[in-house]
Protein backbone atom coordinates (compact mmCIF):
# COMPACT_ATOMS: atom_id res chain seq x y z
CA UNK A 1 -62.13 -153.64 -9.98
CA UNK A 2 -62.31 -152.70 -6.30
CA UNK A 3 -58.51 -152.39 -5.96
CA UNK A 4 -57.49 -151.17 -9.42
CA UNK A 5 -58.11 -147.44 -8.73
CA UNK A 6 -55.83 -147.41 -5.66
CA UNK A 7 -52.84 -146.93 -7.99
CA UNK A 8 -54.17 -143.76 -9.64
CA UNK A 9 -55.25 -142.42 -6.24
CA UNK A 10 -51.78 -143.03 -4.84
CA UNK A 11 -50.09 -141.50 -7.89
CA UNK A 12 -52.28 -138.47 -8.53
CA UNK A 13 -53.55 -137.63 -5.03
CA UNK A 14 -50.72 -138.85 -2.84
CA UNK A 15 -51.34 -136.53 0.16
CA UNK A 16 -54.95 -137.75 0.33
CA UNK A 17 -53.96 -141.39 -0.14
CA UNK A 18 -51.29 -141.01 2.55
CA UNK A 19 -53.70 -139.53 5.10
CA UNK A 20 -56.34 -142.19 4.44
CA UNK A 21 -53.89 -145.08 4.41
CA UNK A 22 -52.07 -144.08 7.60
CA UNK A 23 -55.29 -143.32 9.48
CA UNK A 24 -56.86 -146.65 8.49
CA UNK A 25 -53.66 -148.46 9.50
CA UNK A 26 -53.57 -146.73 12.88
CA UNK A 27 -57.21 -147.56 13.56
CA UNK A 28 -56.67 -151.23 12.69
CA UNK A 29 -53.62 -151.31 14.94
CA UNK A 30 -55.44 -149.64 17.84
CA UNK A 31 -58.55 -151.76 17.40
CA UNK A 32 -57.38 -155.28 16.41
CA UNK A 33 -60.92 -156.40 15.65
CA UNK A 34 -60.95 -154.17 12.57
CA UNK A 35 -59.82 -155.46 9.19
CA UNK A 36 -58.86 -153.70 5.96
CA UNK A 37 -61.29 -153.98 3.07
CA UNK A 38 -58.54 -155.09 0.67
CA UNK A 39 -54.72 -155.14 0.67
CA UNK A 40 -53.33 -151.59 0.46
CA UNK A 41 -56.85 -150.17 0.79
CA UNK A 42 -56.81 -146.62 2.13
CA UNK A 43 -60.58 -146.66 2.64
CA UNK A 44 -62.36 -147.81 5.78
CA UNK A 45 -65.80 -148.57 4.36
CA UNK A 46 -67.43 -150.16 1.33
CA UNK A 47 -71.12 -149.84 0.48
CA UNK A 48 -72.64 -152.09 -2.18
CA UNK A 49 -75.75 -150.75 -3.91
CA UNK A 50 -77.33 -153.90 -5.35
CA UNK A 51 -80.05 -152.28 -7.40
CA UNK A 52 -81.25 -153.74 -9.59
CA UNK A 53 -81.50 -150.12 -10.69
CA UNK A 54 -79.19 -148.04 -8.47
CA UNK A 55 -80.02 -144.38 -9.07
CA UNK A 56 -79.21 -141.60 -6.62
CA UNK A 57 -80.71 -138.09 -6.45
CA UNK A 58 -78.47 -135.01 -6.18
CA UNK A 59 -76.62 -135.10 -2.86
CA UNK A 60 -73.28 -134.55 -1.13
CA UNK A 61 -71.90 -136.99 1.43
CA UNK A 62 -71.34 -134.52 4.26
CA UNK A 63 -70.37 -137.27 6.69
CA UNK A 64 -67.23 -137.98 4.68
CA UNK A 65 -63.97 -136.04 4.87
CA UNK A 66 -64.15 -132.72 3.02
CA UNK A 67 -60.51 -132.91 1.91
CA UNK A 68 -60.80 -136.50 0.73
CA UNK A 69 -61.99 -138.74 -2.04
CA UNK A 70 -64.77 -141.25 -2.56
CA UNK A 71 -64.28 -144.14 -4.98
CA UNK A 72 -67.36 -145.01 -7.05
CA UNK A 73 -67.47 -148.10 -9.24
CA UNK A 74 -70.30 -148.83 -11.69
CA UNK A 75 -71.48 -152.38 -12.42
CA UNK A 76 -74.35 -153.99 -14.27
CA UNK A 77 -75.73 -154.32 -17.78
CA UNK A 78 -76.96 -151.04 -19.23
CA UNK A 79 -76.45 -148.77 -22.22
CA UNK A 80 -74.10 -146.07 -20.92
CA UNK A 81 -74.97 -143.81 -23.86
CA UNK A 82 -78.58 -143.62 -22.72
CA UNK A 83 -78.33 -143.66 -18.93
CA UNK A 84 -76.29 -144.16 -15.80
CA UNK A 85 -74.34 -140.94 -16.33
CA UNK A 86 -72.62 -139.32 -13.36
CA UNK A 87 -73.75 -135.72 -12.87
CA UNK A 88 -71.38 -133.36 -11.03
CA UNK A 89 -73.65 -130.41 -10.40
CA UNK A 90 -71.09 -127.96 -9.02
CA UNK A 91 -68.87 -128.47 -12.08
CA UNK A 92 -71.75 -128.41 -14.60
CA UNK A 93 -70.53 -131.76 -15.90
CA UNK A 94 -72.32 -134.90 -17.06
CA UNK A 95 -69.89 -137.82 -17.28
CA UNK A 96 -70.51 -141.00 -19.27
CA UNK A 97 -70.07 -143.75 -16.68
CA UNK A 98 -70.27 -147.26 -18.20
CA UNK A 99 -70.23 -150.50 -16.20
CA UNK A 100 -66.74 -151.61 -15.19
CA UNK A 101 -65.48 -148.05 -14.72
CA UNK A 102 -64.51 -146.25 -11.52
CA UNK A 103 -64.14 -142.60 -10.59
CA UNK A 104 -62.74 -140.66 -7.63
CA UNK A 105 -64.59 -137.54 -6.50
CA UNK A 106 -64.56 -135.36 -3.35
CA UNK A 107 -68.10 -136.49 -2.55
CA UNK A 108 -68.40 -134.52 0.70
CA UNK A 109 -68.22 -131.16 -1.07
CA UNK A 110 -69.41 -131.89 -4.62
CA UNK A 111 -73.12 -132.43 -5.27
CA UNK A 112 -73.51 -135.52 -7.44
CA UNK A 113 -76.13 -137.89 -8.78
CA UNK A 114 -76.62 -140.33 -11.63
CA UNK A 115 -79.20 -140.46 -14.38
CA UNK A 116 -81.81 -143.25 -14.70
CA UNK A 117 -81.16 -146.28 -16.90
CA UNK A 118 -83.51 -147.83 -19.45
CA UNK A 119 -86.34 -150.22 -18.60
CA UNK A 120 -85.13 -153.81 -18.21
CA UNK A 121 -81.50 -152.79 -17.55
CA UNK A 122 -79.53 -153.30 -14.35
CA UNK A 123 -77.06 -151.03 -12.59
CA UNK A 124 -75.17 -151.64 -9.35
CA UNK A 125 -72.41 -149.67 -7.65
CA UNK A 126 -69.57 -150.15 -5.19
CA UNK A 127 -68.72 -147.12 -3.05
CA UNK A 128 -65.50 -146.92 -1.00
CA UNK A 129 -65.02 -144.07 1.46
CA UNK A 130 -63.97 -143.11 4.98
CA UNK A 131 -66.26 -141.27 7.39
CA UNK A 132 -64.96 -138.02 8.83
CA UNK A 133 -65.63 -139.28 12.35
CA UNK A 134 -62.86 -141.86 11.98
CA UNK A 135 -60.27 -139.15 11.35
CA UNK A 136 -61.54 -137.10 14.30
CA UNK A 137 -61.42 -140.20 16.51
CA UNK A 138 -57.79 -140.84 15.56
CA UNK A 139 -56.80 -137.16 15.86
CA UNK A 140 -58.34 -137.02 19.35
CA UNK A 141 -56.19 -139.89 20.58
CA UNK A 142 -58.88 -142.48 19.84
CA UNK A 143 -61.71 -140.76 21.64
CA UNK A 144 -64.73 -138.64 20.75
CA UNK A 145 -64.68 -134.84 20.59
CA UNK A 146 -66.66 -134.72 23.84
CA UNK A 147 -64.23 -137.04 25.61
CA UNK A 148 -61.23 -135.11 24.26
CA UNK A 149 -62.60 -131.82 25.62
CA UNK A 150 -62.87 -133.24 29.14
CA UNK A 151 -59.11 -133.88 29.27
CA UNK A 152 -57.77 -131.14 26.99
CA UNK A 153 -55.73 -128.33 28.52
CA UNK A 154 -56.27 -124.67 27.66
CA UNK A 155 -53.21 -124.89 25.42
CA UNK A 156 -54.68 -127.91 23.63
CA UNK A 157 -57.97 -126.10 23.03
CA UNK A 158 -56.18 -122.97 21.76
CA UNK A 159 -54.01 -125.06 19.45
CA UNK A 160 -57.06 -126.91 18.11
CA UNK A 161 -58.83 -123.63 17.39
CA UNK A 162 -55.77 -122.32 15.55
CA UNK A 163 -55.66 -125.50 13.48
CA UNK A 164 -59.38 -125.21 12.76
CA UNK A 165 -59.00 -121.70 11.37
CA UNK A 166 -56.22 -122.83 9.02
CA UNK A 167 -57.90 -126.11 8.09
CA UNK A 168 -59.24 -124.94 4.74
CA UNK A 169 -55.77 -123.95 3.54
CA UNK A 170 -54.27 -127.21 4.81
CA UNK A 171 -57.04 -129.15 3.09
CA UNK A 172 -56.46 -127.46 -0.26
CA UNK A 173 -52.80 -128.50 -0.19
CA UNK A 174 -53.85 -132.15 -0.31
CA UNK A 175 -55.35 -131.85 -3.79
CA UNK A 176 -52.85 -132.22 -6.63
CA UNK A 177 -52.67 -129.52 -9.27
CA UNK A 178 -52.38 -130.22 -12.98
CA UNK A 179 -48.92 -128.63 -12.96
CA UNK A 180 -47.90 -131.29 -10.41
CA UNK A 181 -49.09 -134.08 -12.66
CA UNK A 182 -47.44 -132.66 -15.78
CA UNK A 183 -44.00 -132.74 -14.17
CA UNK A 184 -44.72 -136.06 -12.41
CA UNK A 185 -44.38 -134.51 -8.98
CA UNK A 186 -47.12 -136.70 -7.58
CA UNK A 187 -46.12 -136.59 -3.91
CA UNK A 188 -45.41 -132.88 -3.54
CA UNK A 189 -42.22 -133.77 -1.63
CA UNK A 190 -39.85 -131.70 -3.77
CA UNK A 191 -39.90 -128.34 -5.51
CA UNK A 192 -39.43 -128.33 -9.26
CA UNK A 193 -37.72 -125.63 -11.31
CA UNK A 194 -40.74 -125.42 -13.60
CA UNK A 195 -42.61 -123.79 -10.73
CA UNK A 196 -40.10 -120.98 -10.20
CA UNK A 197 -42.57 -118.41 -11.53
CA UNK A 198 -45.58 -119.81 -9.63
CA UNK A 199 -47.25 -118.30 -6.62
CA UNK A 200 -46.49 -120.12 -3.37
CA UNK A 201 -50.18 -120.86 -2.90
CA UNK A 202 -50.34 -122.53 -6.32
CA UNK A 203 -47.89 -125.27 -5.42
CA UNK A 204 -49.30 -128.36 -3.75
CA UNK A 205 -47.28 -130.04 -1.03
CA UNK A 206 -47.66 -132.37 1.90
CA UNK A 207 -49.54 -130.87 4.82
CA UNK A 208 -47.71 -129.85 7.97
CA UNK A 209 -49.36 -132.73 9.79
CA UNK A 210 -48.05 -135.26 7.28
CA UNK A 211 -44.54 -133.84 7.21
CA UNK A 212 -44.40 -134.10 11.02
CA UNK A 213 -45.51 -137.71 10.96
CA UNK A 214 -49.23 -137.16 11.60
CA UNK A 215 -50.75 -136.60 15.00
CA UNK A 216 -47.27 -136.30 16.52
CA UNK A 217 -46.83 -140.08 16.55
CA UNK A 218 -43.21 -140.97 17.23
CA UNK A 219 -43.62 -144.72 16.92
CA UNK A 220 -42.07 -146.32 13.87
CA UNK A 221 -44.57 -147.34 11.24
CA UNK A 222 -44.24 -149.47 8.17
CA UNK A 223 -43.73 -147.29 5.09
CA UNK A 224 -46.48 -146.68 2.58
CA UNK A 225 -46.48 -149.01 -0.41
CA UNK A 226 -44.08 -147.50 -2.94
CA UNK A 227 -46.05 -148.77 -5.90
CA UNK A 228 -49.33 -150.51 -6.41
CA UNK A 229 -49.48 -152.83 -9.40
CA UNK A 230 -52.81 -152.52 -11.13
CA UNK A 231 -52.53 -155.55 -13.41
């Protein structure tokens, strides 16, 4: 159950999967004491909520990456028609969320919670995510923001500010659009004739950072897994 959703994440949100996977791989390579959660796991962290009645109030996980995903898996023994629903407040949605199911949501920017279960029932959850600080650490050359500023040149600071101002647009490009999925353009690597009439801003694609190899790294890296088998 923990690994099954990696396939859909890779297929339907490839730019996000790519960023997570490559960053986690770089961190493990830089810090050999770190280990992946599971094979092909793009996530750095797993939290197990062991209940016996895991219920969360409305919240957003602001420590996570805004342009990323959080993988939530429900476990236990409860009547999913009567409780344990996932509430996505910003979307005005209540989602039936039975045990054994998983869902991917941008938990840093979407307020979410789950409804109580019935007396005598049990509900647990497995949460996989990556903290935003890990991405900043890697982007800073494996140092904190404060340490980076002590060695950054004026040009570096100016470039970082320019990137910051454009970050929202870069972040939006990482989320697949339904038109991408319909034509099976999961990676955003190629233009498709179906989009000829679309606005440029409507077409998802890899970010500039990804197309340049991320963080300017010139070292050769093993390629991303081409396909994850979910059997």
